[in-house]
Amino acid sequence: MASQQTTLILLPGLDGTGLVFEPLLEHLPSTIDPVIVRYPGDTPMSFQEHIDFARMRLPEDKPFVLLAESFSGPIGLQLLADPPENLVGVIFVATFERYPKPFLLDLARLLPQGMLLRLFATSLLCRLFCLGSADRGAVALFQKALASVKVSALSQRLKILAELPPPPETSFSGPCLYLQASHDRLVPERAATRLQRHLSQMQLERIPGPHIILLARPEEGARAICNFINSLSEQPCTS
């Protein structure tokens, strides 16, 4: 990997579009080749179908780093049960093995899904739970991502979170990083500790900010990702 680009496969959060990664990509150096996996937004998919969809998009002919954000954390864990030989590192971002606040999901399932998602997309609730004091552009981008996905697909993903199976045993022993948002109102600190039970080699780094940390703080997120990839290649990695 010394003088080559590093492929970074990004698995998105609940919206599945990957749009919220766009500001992050602007801060990544040319030595990182980002590839966003975009889950279909017009068709509800099961948990296993999400896993299969992601696995089919992993490169087979070159080393790569996997990044799994929020909703995709459990999908990433499933991939690590049978990891590709060319997977050289994993980054988990504000995620979990099983959703740590089931009462929020129970509450969500009591409301009509269309109403819930319209409420969640309002600037007030968007900032309260997801983006904090991020700029207006970040809020608008997140709202655009939600609006581009059918309610049925988002509803199915909420159901997936509520019914996640126990995480599998992982056979991956390579480097892992967990990026934790310091003011996350959806995923508590203990979620990282629980993940470490499956990945004892996982390092933790906190970034000041809200749940969707890579959108709210893209420069800091890019720096942490770059430093992690730098530690794999032992080459300078500057943005």
Protein backbone atom coordinates (compact mmCIF):
# COMPACT_ATOMS: atom_id res chain seq x y z
CA MET A 1 0.00 0.00 0.00
CA ALA A 2 3.07 2.23 0.34
CA SER A 3 2.83 4.29 -2.84
CA GLN A 4 -0.69 3.42 -3.98
CA GLN A 5 -4.11 4.79 -3.35
CA THR A 6 -6.05 3.26 -0.49
CA THR A 7 -9.61 2.27 -1.35
CA LEU A 8 -12.11 3.31 1.32
CA ILE A 9 -15.51 1.59 1.15
CA LEU A 10 -18.16 3.66 2.96
CA LEU A 11 -21.36 2.03 4.26
CA PRO A 12 -23.99 4.72 5.01
CA GLY A 13 -26.38 5.41 7.87
CA LEU A 14 -30.14 5.00 8.01
CA ASP A 15 -30.96 6.96 4.85
CA GLY A 16 -28.68 4.66 2.88
CA THR A 17 -27.97 7.25 0.19
CA GLY A 18 -24.43 8.15 1.19
CA LEU A 19 -25.19 11.81 0.45
CA VAL A 20 -24.09 12.82 3.94
CA PHE A 21 -20.56 11.64 3.10
CA GLU A 22 -20.15 14.31 0.41
CA PRO A 23 -18.61 17.05 2.64
CA LEU A 24 -16.24 14.44 4.09
CA LEU A 25 -14.98 13.47 0.64
CA GLU A 26 -13.97 17.05 -0.03
CA HIS A 27 -11.47 16.83 2.84
CA LEU A 28 -9.93 13.45 1.96
CA PRO A 29 -6.56 13.51 0.18
CA SER A 30 -5.98 12.12 -3.30
CA THR A 31 -4.20 9.13 -1.75
CA ILE A 32 -7.60 7.84 -0.60
CA ASP A 33 -10.05 6.52 -3.18
CA PRO A 34 -13.54 6.65 -1.59
CA VAL A 35 -16.31 4.36 -2.82
CA ILE A 36 -19.79 4.85 -1.35
CA VAL A 37 -22.15 1.88 -1.13
CA ARG A 38 -25.65 3.26 -1.70
CA TYR A 39 -28.50 1.03 -0.53
CA PRO A 40 -31.60 1.10 -2.76
CA GLY A 41 -33.99 3.80 -1.60
CA ASP A 42 -37.08 2.60 -3.42
CA THR A 43 -37.27 -1.00 -2.18
CA PRO A 44 -37.48 -2.31 1.40
CA MET A 45 -34.70 -4.83 2.08
CA SER A 46 -34.13 -7.32 4.86
CA PHE A 47 -31.07 -7.24 7.10
CA GLN A 48 -29.51 -10.11 5.16
CA GLU A 49 -30.20 -8.37 1.87
CA HIS A 50 -28.35 -5.29 3.13
CA ILE A 51 -25.42 -7.52 4.11
CA ASP A 52 -25.38 -9.26 0.74
CA PHE A 53 -25.72 -5.94 -1.10
CA ALA A 54 -22.70 -4.53 0.74
CA ARG A 55 -20.59 -7.67 0.35
CA MET A 56 -21.12 -7.74 -3.41
CA ARG A 57 -19.60 -4.26 -3.61
CA LEU A 58 -16.38 -5.01 -1.75
CA PRO A 59 -13.33 -5.00 -4.03
CA GLU A 60 -11.71 -8.35 -4.73
CA ASP A 61 -8.51 -7.25 -6.45
CA LYS A 62 -6.99 -4.65 -4.11
CA PRO A 63 -6.57 -3.84 -0.40
CA PHE A 64 -9.30 -1.74 1.13
CA VAL A 65 -10.51 -0.17 4.35
CA LEU A 66 -14.16 -0.53 5.37
CA LEU A 67 -16.06 2.30 7.08
CA ALA A 68 -19.46 1.52 8.62
CA GLU A 69 -21.55 4.40 9.93
CA SER A 70 -24.45 4.16 12.40
CA PHE A 71 -27.09 1.85 10.84
CA SER A 72 -24.36 0.04 8.90
CA GLY A 73 -22.34 -0.92 11.99
CA PRO A 74 -24.18 -4.24 12.46
CA ILE A 75 -23.81 -4.89 8.72
CA GLY A 76 -20.08 -4.30 9.03
CA LEU A 77 -19.90 -6.74 11.94
CA GLN A 78 -21.65 -9.40 9.85
CA LEU A 79 -19.10 -8.86 7.07
CA LEU A 80 -16.31 -9.39 9.60
CA ALA A 81 -17.64 -12.84 10.41
CA ASP A 82 -16.19 -13.86 7.04
CA PRO A 83 -13.88 -11.01 6.07
CA PRO A 84 -12.21 -10.75 2.67
CA GLU A 85 -8.48 -11.42 2.76
CA ASN A 86 -7.78 -8.00 1.24
CA LEU A 87 -9.56 -6.10 4.04
CA VAL A 88 -6.77 -4.24 5.85
CA GLY A 89 -8.67 -2.07 8.35
CA VAL A 90 -12.12 -1.19 9.65
CA ILE A 91 -13.59 2.09 10.89
CA PHE A 92 -16.84 2.16 12.85
CA VAL A 93 -18.54 5.54 13.21
CA ALA A 94 -21.15 6.33 15.91
CA THR A 95 -22.54 2.82 15.76
CA PHE A 96 -23.37 -0.28 17.79
CA GLU A 97 -23.69 -4.07 17.81
CA ARG A 98 -27.37 -3.86 18.80
CA TYR A 99 -29.30 -0.60 19.05
CA PRO A 100 -28.67 0.63 22.62
CA LYS A 101 -31.87 2.67 23.07
CA PRO A 102 -34.73 0.30 22.19
CA PHE A 103 -37.30 2.58 23.80
CA LEU A 104 -36.71 5.11 21.00
CA LEU A 105 -37.48 2.42 18.45
CA ASP A 106 -40.57 1.37 20.38
CA LEU A 107 -41.75 4.98 20.38
CA ALA A 108 -40.97 5.31 16.68
CA ARG A 109 -43.01 2.24 15.84
CA LEU A 110 -46.08 3.64 17.61
CA LEU A 111 -46.23 6.59 15.23
CA PRO A 112 -47.29 6.47 11.59
CA GLN A 113 -44.00 6.16 9.72
CA GLY A 114 -44.72 9.00 7.32
CA MET A 115 -45.45 11.35 10.21
CA LEU A 116 -42.38 10.18 12.13
CA LEU A 117 -40.03 10.78 9.24
CA ARG A 118 -41.53 14.17 8.45
CA LEU A 119 -41.04 15.18 12.08
CA PHE A 120 -37.52 13.78 12.16
CA ALA A 121 -36.59 15.74 9.05
CA THR A 122 -37.59 19.08 10.57
CA SER A 123 -34.66 21.32 11.38
CA LEU A 124 -35.48 21.26 15.11
CA LEU A 125 -35.46 17.47 15.57
CA CYS A 126 -32.73 17.02 13.00
CA ARG A 127 -30.44 19.25 15.05
CA LEU A 128 -31.59 17.83 18.40
CA PHE A 129 -30.82 14.21 17.56
CA CYS A 130 -28.44 14.22 14.61
CA LEU A 131 -26.57 17.40 13.75
CA GLY A 132 -26.43 19.75 16.72
CA SER A 133 -25.01 23.11 15.73
CA ALA A 134 -23.83 22.01 12.28
CA ASP A 135 -24.24 24.60 9.54
CA ARG A 136 -27.41 24.98 7.49
CA GLY A 137 -25.85 23.25 4.53
CA ALA A 138 -25.36 20.07 6.57
CA VAL A 139 -28.98 20.13 7.74
CA ALA A 140 -30.24 20.69 4.19
CA LEU A 141 -28.12 17.82 2.88
CA PHE A 142 -29.44 15.44 5.53
CA GLN A 143 -33.02 16.50 4.79
CA LYS A 144 -32.38 15.93 1.08
CA ALA A 145 -31.06 12.44 1.82
CA LEU A 146 -34.15 11.51 3.85
CA ALA A 147 -36.50 12.95 1.26
CA SER A 148 -34.92 10.89 -1.52
CA VAL A 149 -35.78 7.56 0.14
CA LYS A 150 -39.22 5.96 0.21
CA VAL A 151 -40.91 5.79 3.60
CA SER A 152 -41.29 2.02 3.21
CA ALA A 153 -37.51 1.55 2.88
CA LEU A 154 -36.74 3.74 5.90
CA SER A 155 -39.46 2.03 7.92
CA GLN A 156 -37.96 -1.36 7.12
CA ARG A 157 -34.55 -0.17 8.34
CA LEU A 158 -36.07 0.95 11.64
CA LYS A 159 -37.58 -2.52 11.95
CA ILE A 160 -34.17 -4.05 11.25
CA LEU A 161 -32.65 -2.04 14.11
CA ALA A 162 -35.38 -3.22 16.47
CA GLU A 163 -34.85 -6.88 15.55
CA LEU A 164 -31.07 -7.14 15.16
CA PRO A 165 -29.75 -10.64 15.88
CA PRO A 166 -26.87 -11.20 18.29
CA PRO A 167 -23.61 -10.21 16.58
CA PRO A 168 -21.56 -13.05 15.12
CA GLU A 169 -18.10 -14.07 16.15
CA THR A 170 -15.62 -12.16 14.04
CA SER A 171 -12.48 -13.65 12.57
CA PHE A 172 -10.99 -10.28 11.66
CA SER A 173 -7.87 -9.45 13.67
CA GLY A 174 -6.67 -6.41 11.74
CA PRO A 175 -6.65 -2.78 12.90
CA CYS A 176 -9.97 -1.21 13.90
CA LEU A 177 -10.97 2.31 14.82
CA TYR A 178 -14.15 3.55 16.46
CA LEU A 179 -15.00 7.22 15.89
CA GLN A 180 -17.26 8.36 18.71
CA ALA A 181 -19.28 11.57 18.63
CA SER A 182 -18.84 13.29 21.99
CA HIS A 183 -22.42 14.68 22.04
CA ASP A 184 -24.27 11.77 20.49
CA ARG A 185 -27.94 11.71 21.56
CA LEU A 186 -28.75 8.51 19.68
CA VAL A 187 -25.80 6.23 20.47
CA PRO A 188 -24.38 6.30 24.03
CA GLU A 189 -20.73 5.78 24.94
CA ARG A 190 -21.32 2.21 26.11
CA ALA A 191 -22.00 1.15 22.52
CA ALA A 192 -18.29 1.40 21.72
CA THR A 193 -17.39 -0.68 24.78
CA ARG A 194 -19.76 -3.42 23.67
CA LEU A 195 -18.23 -3.45 20.21
CA GLN A 196 -14.79 -3.87 21.75
CA ARG A 197 -15.89 -7.21 23.17
CA HIS A 198 -15.91 -8.50 19.61
CA LEU A 199 -12.90 -6.52 18.39
CA SER A 200 -10.38 -6.31 21.20
CA GLN A 201 -7.90 -4.52 18.91
CA MET A 202 -10.32 -1.63 18.32
CA GLN A 203 -9.03 1.83 19.19
CA LEU A 204 -11.35 4.64 20.22
CA GLU A 205 -11.19 8.27 19.11
CA ARG A 206 -13.68 10.93 20.18
CA ILE A 207 -14.62 13.83 17.94
CA PRO A 208 -16.52 16.77 19.46
CA GLY A 209 -19.95 16.89 17.89
CA PRO A 210 -23.34 15.22 17.30
CA HIS A 211 -24.41 11.80 16.01
CA ILE A 212 -23.84 12.34 12.28
CA ILE A 213 -20.31 13.38 13.06
CA LEU A 214 -18.83 12.98 9.57
CA LEU A 215 -21.40 15.45 8.20
CA ALA A 216 -21.30 17.87 11.12
CA ARG A 217 -17.48 17.81 11.43
CA PRO A 218 -16.17 16.61 8.05
CA GLU A 219 -12.68 18.08 8.41
CA GLU A 220 -12.08 16.45 11.80
CA GLY A 221 -13.55 13.19 10.52
CA ALA A 222 -11.32 13.22 7.46
CA ARG A 223 -8.28 13.85 9.63
CA ALA A 224 -9.07 10.88 11.88
CA ILE A 225 -9.69 8.61 8.90
CA CYS A 226 -6.52 9.79 7.21
CA ASN A 227 -4.43 9.22 10.34
CA PHE A 228 -5.82 5.70 10.67
CA ILE A 229 -5.00 4.86 7.06
CA ASN A 230 -1.60 6.46 7.55
CA SER A 231 -0.96 4.05 10.42
CA LEU A 232 -1.66 1.13 8.08
CA SER A 233 0.68 2.26 5.32
CA GLU A 234 3.28 4.07 7.38
CA GLN A 235 3.23 6.78 4.74
CA PRO A 236 2.44 10.50 5.15
CA CYS A 237 -1.26 11.16 4.63
CA THR A 238 -2.14 14.82 4.39
CA SER A 239 -5.26 16.58 3.21
